[in-house]
Amino acid sequence: MPNKILLIDGSNHAFRMFHAMPKMTAAGKHTGALLGFVNLLKKLENDHKPEAMIVVFDEGASFRVALYPEYKGHRPEMPPELREQWPRFRELVEAWGHPFLAIPGVEADDVIGTLAQRFASPDREVLMVTGDKDYYQLVREGVYVLDLKEDKVVDEAEVRRYFGVGPAQVIDILGLAGDASDNVPGVKGVGEKTAAGWVAKYGDLEGVIANAGAIGGKRGESVKAEAEMARLSRILVTIKIDCELPLTDEQLLDHTRDTEKLRALFLEWQFRSLLKQLGEEAPAAVGAVGETANQGLGHRPQPLPHHRHHRGPRPHHRRAAPGGEGRGAPRHRHRDHVLRPPRRQARRPLPGLG
């Protein structure tokens, strides 16, 4: 069985954990997204036994803004509760023993694309851990998308099932349809399904533009009139695979856990179950909301909420028993403390991706 390297879209999952976890604080500081991220790392390690895991975050404005100033310009400000936790993800990941990459002006997509190109080989599989379908363009033999939200591994056959074309043509589809999540415009009035049909018929974006007359009607006129915007959109959605990286292969494959640093972080954040794994007991903290026993390492994961805007525990739950975790805090009876194993659908397993 080939070795596996997991490339984690850290920014994507930090937001996901923030919305999935209940509001938690320690000494007045929010900690819920950090606890969710610990659970994510542990789940990935337990499920996949990777050779290495590399966590990648966005940092600063993308170079794409210079090409199109409105790129991602519609996104709201980061919630202050998450912004408060944002600098701590690096501390957590590096203490846990994984490389952390955040390159100014370069998006996580591009760093992951470069790493996938760098590490995929006949004896090593690369799993890109993300829910972003832009990554489908990178899929090939030995390089797959691991979508935890949909509970699936995406190979070339799955890309063709979803888009109707192969991975190399995904950027042509997104050039025409745009990408609302990143504020990439595409051609007005053209959706993914329509764009996929055109690309399947005419081969690529340039083929579609050349056949705008054959398409006819308002859509054909739009393709003809907005051809340059479609070309620019195609550039904006294309993931780079040749970024300069600050770490050597040896550093990227290193996994050295800093137990003392983890202990200090878990004490600060009142992660009692995790501290217990390190042989340490957390002192009681007045007003702190610690994680419950089943949130720590070595415990079976429980589901995330079905709705991404879950607001946490209802106020009428009874209080924890004396001596329990999070004394004085509501006992959380909901099941959103760690990653939810989504409903499994029967699918053909991929060789080597057990």
Protein backbone atom coordinates (compact mmCIF):
# COMPACT_ATOMS: atom_id res chain seq x y z
CA MET A 1 0.00 0.00 0.00
CA PRO A 2 1.43 3.42 -0.92
CA ASN A 3 2.37 5.95 1.73
CA LYS A 4 0.00 8.87 2.16
CA ILE A 5 0.61 12.56 2.58
CA LEU A 6 -2.31 14.71 3.71
CA LEU A 7 -2.37 18.36 2.63
CA ILE A 8 -4.89 20.22 4.80
CA ASP A 9 -6.63 23.39 3.67
CA GLY A 10 -6.29 24.96 7.10
CA SER A 11 -8.19 28.19 6.43
CA ASN A 12 -11.15 26.26 5.04
CA HIS A 13 -11.33 23.95 8.05
CA ALA A 14 -10.69 26.67 10.64
CA PHE A 15 -13.87 28.40 9.45
CA ARG A 16 -15.69 25.09 9.37
CA MET A 17 -14.68 24.27 12.95
CA PHE A 18 -15.65 27.76 14.11
CA HIS A 19 -19.20 27.34 12.81
CA ALA A 20 -19.50 23.71 13.92
CA MET A 21 -18.31 23.95 17.52
CA PRO A 22 -20.22 25.44 20.44
CA LYS A 23 -18.96 28.71 21.86
CA MET A 24 -16.22 27.91 24.37
CA THR A 25 -13.98 30.18 26.39
CA ALA A 26 -11.08 29.92 28.81
CA ALA A 27 -10.02 32.96 30.83
CA GLY A 28 -12.30 35.04 28.62
CA LYS A 29 -10.71 33.89 25.35
CA HIS A 30 -12.57 31.90 22.70
CA THR A 31 -11.26 28.38 22.07
CA GLY A 32 -13.95 26.40 20.22
CA ALA A 33 -12.37 26.50 16.75
CA LEU A 34 -9.02 25.44 18.21
CA LEU A 35 -10.56 22.42 19.91
CA GLY A 36 -12.34 21.49 16.69
CA PHE A 37 -9.03 21.70 14.84
CA VAL A 38 -7.37 19.37 17.36
CA ASN A 39 -10.16 16.88 16.75
CA LEU A 40 -9.67 17.25 12.99
CA LEU A 41 -5.95 16.46 13.23
CA LYS A 42 -6.60 13.47 15.45
CA LYS A 43 -9.32 12.09 13.18
CA LEU A 44 -7.12 12.37 10.10
CA GLU A 45 -4.23 10.66 11.86
CA ASN A 46 -6.42 7.82 13.13
CA ASP A 47 -8.31 7.27 9.87
CA HIS A 48 -5.44 7.50 7.38
CA LYS A 49 -2.15 6.80 9.23
CA PRO A 50 -0.31 9.23 6.94
CA GLU A 51 3.41 9.46 6.42
CA ALA A 52 3.04 13.21 6.93
CA MET A 53 0.39 15.92 7.29
CA ILE A 54 1.04 19.49 6.15
CA VAL A 55 -1.31 22.28 7.20
CA VAL A 56 -1.64 25.32 4.91
CA PHE A 57 -3.31 28.66 5.66
CA ASP A 58 -3.96 31.77 3.57
CA GLU A 59 -1.99 34.84 4.53
CA GLY A 60 -2.66 38.34 3.28
CA ALA A 61 -4.29 39.45 0.04
CA SER A 62 -3.92 37.09 -2.92
CA PHE A 63 -1.83 38.04 -5.95
CA ARG A 64 -5.09 37.55 -7.89
CA VAL A 65 -6.41 40.83 -6.49
CA ALA A 66 -3.92 42.65 -8.74
CA LEU A 67 -5.54 40.93 -11.73
CA TYR A 68 -9.11 41.49 -10.57
CA PRO A 69 -9.61 43.91 -7.63
CA GLU A 70 -13.05 42.45 -6.82
CA TYR A 71 -11.59 38.98 -6.24
CA LYS A 72 -13.04 37.73 -2.92
CA GLY A 73 -14.10 41.31 -2.30
CA HIS A 74 -17.63 40.34 -1.29
CA ARG A 75 -16.63 38.31 1.75
CA PRO A 76 -17.61 39.66 5.18
CA GLU A 77 -15.04 40.43 7.85
CA MET A 78 -13.80 37.48 9.87
CA PRO A 79 -15.89 37.12 13.05
CA PRO A 80 -13.97 38.64 15.98
CA GLU A 81 -14.30 35.40 17.96
CA LEU A 82 -12.44 33.56 15.21
CA ARG A 83 -9.94 36.36 14.57
CA GLU A 84 -8.99 36.10 18.23
CA GLN A 85 -8.09 32.43 17.72
CA TRP A 86 -6.48 32.77 14.27
CA PRO A 87 -2.82 33.32 15.35
CA ARG A 88 -3.00 30.32 17.67
CA PHE A 89 -3.56 27.77 14.90
CA ARG A 90 0.12 27.93 13.96
CA GLU A 91 1.14 27.32 17.58
CA LEU A 92 -1.23 24.38 17.82
CA VAL A 93 -0.21 22.73 14.54
CA GLU A 94 3.53 23.08 15.11
CA ALA A 95 3.32 21.86 18.71
CA TRP A 96 1.27 18.92 17.44
CA GLY A 97 4.23 18.14 15.22
CA HIS A 98 3.10 19.10 11.71
CA PRO A 99 4.59 21.65 9.31
CA PHE A 100 2.54 24.84 8.99
CA LEU A 101 2.75 26.92 5.82
CA ALA A 102 1.33 30.40 5.24
CA ILE A 103 3.00 32.37 2.44
CA PRO A 104 2.10 36.07 2.09
CA GLY A 105 0.17 36.78 -1.10
CA VAL A 106 -0.18 33.09 -2.01
CA GLU A 107 -3.39 31.23 -1.30
CA ALA A 108 -3.55 27.88 0.42
CA ASP A 109 -4.85 26.40 -2.87
CA ASP A 110 -1.61 27.31 -4.65
CA VAL A 111 0.64 26.02 -1.88
CA ILE A 112 -1.30 22.74 -1.77
CA GLY A 113 -1.19 22.48 -5.57
CA THR A 114 2.58 22.90 -5.45
CA LEU A 115 2.96 20.34 -2.66
CA ALA A 116 0.79 17.83 -4.52
CA GLN A 117 2.98 18.22 -7.61
CA ARG A 118 6.09 17.86 -5.46
CA PHE A 119 5.17 14.79 -3.45
CA ALA A 120 2.93 12.58 -5.63
CA SER A 121 4.74 9.49 -6.89
CA PRO A 122 4.02 5.83 -7.72
CA ASP A 123 4.70 4.86 -4.09
CA ARG A 124 3.05 7.85 -2.44
CA GLU A 125 -0.53 9.12 -2.60
CA VAL A 126 -1.50 12.70 -1.87
CA LEU A 127 -4.87 13.54 -0.30
CA MET A 128 -5.87 17.22 -0.45
CA VAL A 129 -8.21 17.72 2.53
CA THR A 130 -10.73 20.36 1.45
CA GLY A 131 -14.33 20.92 0.50
CA ASP A 132 -13.41 23.34 -2.31
CA LYS A 133 -14.27 21.98 -5.78
CA ASP A 134 -11.60 24.19 -7.38
CA TYR A 135 -9.17 21.46 -6.28
CA TYR A 136 -10.81 19.00 -8.69
CA GLN A 137 -8.57 20.44 -11.42
CA LEU A 138 -5.55 18.93 -9.61
CA VAL A 139 -6.91 15.38 -9.38
CA ARG A 140 -4.96 12.71 -11.21
CA GLU A 141 -3.60 9.24 -10.53
CA GLY A 142 -2.16 9.40 -7.02
CA VAL A 143 -3.62 12.84 -6.22
CA TYR A 144 -7.11 12.96 -4.73
CA VAL A 145 -9.45 15.30 -2.88
CA LEU A 146 -10.57 14.14 0.57
CA ASP A 147 -13.88 15.89 1.21
CA LEU A 148 -14.78 15.31 4.85
CA LYS A 149 -18.07 17.18 4.63
CA GLU A 150 -19.32 14.93 1.83
CA ASP A 151 -17.48 11.89 3.23
CA LYS A 152 -15.83 10.95 -0.05
CA VAL A 153 -12.51 10.64 -1.81
CA VAL A 154 -12.60 12.28 -5.23
CA ASP A 155 -10.68 10.58 -8.04
CA GLU A 156 -10.81 11.23 -11.79
CA ALA A 157 -13.97 9.14 -12.19
CA GLU A 158 -15.74 11.21 -9.52
CA VAL A 159 -14.67 14.46 -11.22
CA ARG A 160 -16.16 13.18 -14.48
CA ARG A 161 -19.33 12.14 -12.69
CA TYR A 162 -19.71 15.57 -11.11
CA PHE A 163 -18.68 17.85 -14.01
CA GLY A 164 -19.05 15.57 -17.03
CA VAL A 165 -15.46 16.27 -18.10
CA GLY A 166 -11.98 15.44 -16.83
CA PRO A 167 -9.94 17.40 -14.26
CA ALA A 168 -8.00 19.36 -16.90
CA GLN A 169 -11.24 20.94 -18.14
CA VAL A 170 -12.53 22.07 -14.73
CA ILE A 171 -10.89 25.49 -15.15
CA ASP A 172 -12.69 25.94 -18.49
CA ILE A 173 -16.03 25.30 -16.80
CA LEU A 174 -15.25 27.69 -13.95
CA GLY A 175 -14.00 30.29 -16.42
CA LEU A 176 -17.46 30.28 -18.01
CA ALA A 177 -19.59 29.77 -14.89
CA GLY A 178 -17.43 31.74 -12.48
CA ASP A 179 -17.06 30.95 -8.80
CA ALA A 180 -19.45 32.78 -6.48
CA SER A 181 -17.49 31.85 -3.35
CA ASP A 182 -14.45 33.75 -4.65
CA ASN A 183 -16.38 36.44 -6.53
CA VAL A 184 -15.05 35.23 -9.89
CA PRO A 185 -17.56 36.55 -12.45
CA GLY A 186 -17.45 34.17 -15.43
CA VAL A 187 -20.12 34.86 -18.08
CA LYS A 188 -23.42 36.32 -16.86
CA GLY A 189 -26.29 33.86 -16.92
CA VAL A 190 -24.09 30.78 -17.36
CA GLY A 191 -24.10 28.14 -14.65
CA GLU A 192 -21.88 25.13 -14.06
CA LYS A 193 -24.23 22.65 -15.74
CA THR A 194 -24.54 24.72 -18.92
CA ALA A 195 -20.79 25.46 -18.98
CA ALA A 196 -19.97 21.77 -18.48
CA GLY A 197 -22.20 20.82 -21.42
CA TRP A 198 -20.49 23.36 -23.68
CA VAL A 199 -16.99 22.30 -22.62
CA ALA A 200 -17.87 18.63 -23.17
CA LYS A 201 -19.12 19.51 -26.66
CA TYR A 202 -16.51 22.05 -27.78
CA GLY A 203 -13.44 20.88 -25.84
CA ASP A 204 -12.39 23.88 -23.80
CA LEU A 205 -13.05 27.57 -23.15
CA GLU A 206 -11.57 28.72 -26.45
CA GLY A 207 -13.68 26.16 -28.29
CA VAL A 208 -16.80 27.48 -26.59
CA ILE A 209 -15.91 31.08 -27.46
CA ALA A 210 -15.23 30.11 -31.08
CA ASN A 211 -18.68 28.49 -31.27
CA ALA A 212 -20.63 31.30 -29.59
CA GLY A 213 -22.57 31.76 -32.84
CA ALA A 214 -23.59 28.11 -32.87
CA ILE A 215 -24.74 28.40 -29.26
CA GLY A 216 -26.96 31.27 -30.32
CA GLY A 217 -29.55 33.23 -28.35
CA LYS A 218 -28.76 35.48 -25.42
CA ARG A 219 -26.23 33.06 -23.97
CA GLY A 220 -24.30 32.88 -27.21
CA GLU A 221 -24.24 36.68 -27.34
CA SER A 222 -23.05 36.82 -23.73
CA VAL A 223 -20.21 34.41 -24.46
CA LYS A 224 -19.14 36.52 -27.41
CA ALA A 225 -19.42 39.82 -25.52
CA GLU A 226 -17.76 38.57 -22.33
CA ALA A 227 -15.06 36.38 -23.82
CA GLU A 228 -12.25 38.38 -22.18
CA MET A 229 -13.91 38.19 -18.78
CA ALA A 230 -14.25 34.42 -19.22
CA ARG A 231 -10.53 34.21 -20.06
CA LEU A 232 -9.66 36.28 -16.99
CA SER A 233 -11.93 34.14 -14.82
CA ARG A 234 -10.15 31.03 -16.09
CA ILE A 235 -6.84 32.54 -14.96
CA LEU A 236 -8.27 33.43 -11.54
CA VAL A 237 -9.49 29.87 -10.86
CA THR A 238 -6.32 28.16 -12.05
CA ILE A 239 -4.35 26.80 -9.08
CA LYS A 240 -0.60 27.33 -9.25
CA ILE A 241 1.69 24.32 -8.94
CA ASP A 242 5.06 26.08 -8.95
CA CYS A 243 5.17 28.24 -5.82
CA GLU A 244 8.43 28.91 -3.99
CA LEU A 245 8.24 27.06 -0.67
CA PRO A 246 10.27 27.97 2.44
CA LEU A 247 10.79 24.40 3.68
CA THR A 248 12.81 21.48 2.32
CA ASP A 249 11.27 18.06 1.68
CA GLU A 250 12.91 16.78 4.86
CA GLN A 251 11.34 19.58 6.92
CA LEU A 252 7.94 19.06 5.30
CA LEU A 253 7.96 15.36 6.14
CA ASP A 254 9.11 15.89 9.72
CA HIS A 255 6.76 15.00 12.58
CA THR A 256 8.22 15.98 15.94
CA ARG A 257 5.67 16.59 18.65
CA ASP A 258 6.42 19.18 21.34
CA THR A 259 4.66 17.70 24.37
CA GLU A 260 5.67 20.51 26.72
CA LYS A 261 4.29 23.15 24.34
CA LEU A 262 1.07 21.17 23.93
CA ARG A 263 0.73 20.91 27.70
CA ALA A 264 1.10 24.67 28.04
CA LEU A 265 -1.49 25.33 25.33
CA PHE A 266 -3.99 22.84 26.69
CA LEU A 267 -3.60 24.29 30.19
CA GLU A 268 -4.21 27.79 28.84
CA TRP A 269 -7.25 26.68 26.83
CA GLN A 270 -8.63 24.38 29.56
CA PHE A 271 -8.75 21.32 27.28
CA ARG A 272 -9.10 18.91 30.17
CA SER A 273 -9.45 15.65 28.29
CA LEU A 274 -6.41 16.45 26.16
CA LEU A 275 -4.42 17.32 29.26
CA LYS A 276 -5.38 13.99 30.75
CA GLN A 277 -3.82 12.30 27.75
CA LEU A 278 -0.60 14.14 28.60
CA GLY A 279 -0.82 13.06 32.24
CA GLU A 280 -1.82 16.51 33.51
CA GLU A 281 -4.90 17.70 35.32
CA ALA A 282 -6.32 21.13 34.48
CA PRO A 283 -7.06 23.47 37.39
CA ALA A 284 -10.62 24.72 37.75
CA ALA A 285 -11.14 28.06 36.03
CA VAL A 286 -13.97 30.34 37.09
CA GLY A 287 -16.16 31.21 34.13
CA ALA A 288 -14.28 28.93 31.72
CA VAL A 289 -16.12 26.54 29.46
CA GLY A 290 -13.88 23.48 29.02
CA GLU A 291 -14.36 20.64 26.59
CA THR A 292 -16.24 17.57 27.69
CA ALA A 293 -14.61 14.21 28.14
CA ASN A 294 -15.61 12.87 24.75
CA GLN A 295 -13.88 15.76 22.97
CA GLY A 296 -10.35 14.67 23.81
CA LEU A 297 -7.91 12.34 22.12
CA GLY A 298 -8.61 8.67 22.21
CA HIS A 299 -12.39 9.11 22.36
CA ARG A 300 -14.76 8.15 19.64
CA PRO A 301 -15.73 11.19 17.50
CA GLN A 302 -19.32 12.38 17.66
CA PRO A 303 -21.27 14.20 14.98
CA LEU A 304 -21.21 17.82 13.96
CA PRO A 305 -24.56 19.60 13.69
CA HIS A 306 -26.46 19.11 10.46
CA HIS A 307 -26.85 22.88 10.10
CA ARG A 308 -23.69 24.97 9.71
CA HIS A 309 -25.14 27.84 11.76
CA HIS A 310 -25.78 25.79 14.87
CA ARG A 311 -25.67 28.15 17.82
CA GLY A 312 -24.55 25.88 20.63
CA PRO A 313 -26.27 24.52 23.73
CA ARG A 314 -29.76 25.49 24.81
CA PRO A 315 -29.73 27.46 28.05
CA HIS A 316 -32.14 25.20 29.89
CA HIS A 317 -29.83 22.16 30.10
CA ARG A 318 -28.97 21.16 33.63
CA ARG A 319 -25.61 22.04 35.07
CA ALA A 320 -22.69 19.64 35.23
CA ALA A 321 -22.45 17.56 38.38
CA PRO A 322 -19.92 18.74 40.99
CA GLY A 323 -16.44 17.65 39.97
CA GLY A 324 -17.43 17.34 36.33
CA GLU A 325 -15.75 19.13 33.46
CA GLY A 326 -16.63 22.75 32.87
CA ARG A 327 -18.02 23.20 36.40
CA GLY A 328 -20.90 25.64 36.41
CA ALA A 329 -21.24 25.51 32.62
CA PRO A 330 -24.22 23.93 30.84
CA ARG A 331 -23.87 20.25 30.13
CA HIS A 332 -23.81 19.94 26.36
CA ARG A 333 -26.16 17.23 25.27
CA HIS A 334 -25.91 18.07 21.59
CA ARG A 335 -23.47 16.07 19.49
CA ASP A 336 -21.39 18.68 17.76
CA HIS A 337 -18.15 18.56 19.70
CA VAL A 338 -16.09 16.72 17.11
CA LEU A 339 -16.25 15.80 13.47
CA ARG A 340 -19.47 14.14 12.40
CA PRO A 341 -19.01 11.02 10.31
CA PRO A 342 -21.50 11.87 7.54
CA ARG A 343 -23.92 9.29 6.23
CA ARG A 344 -22.01 6.85 4.18
CA GLN A 345 -23.12 6.09 0.68
CA ALA A 346 -22.12 2.96 -1.13
CA ARG A 347 -19.25 3.71 -3.42
CA ARG A 348 -16.42 1.91 -5.13
CA PRO A 349 -13.36 2.02 -2.85
CA LEU A 350 -10.20 3.42 -4.40
CA PRO A 351 -7.17 1.13 -4.42
CA GLY A 352 -4.80 2.07 -1.62
CA LEU A 353 -7.21 4.54 0.00
CA GLY A 354 -8.62 2.36 2.73
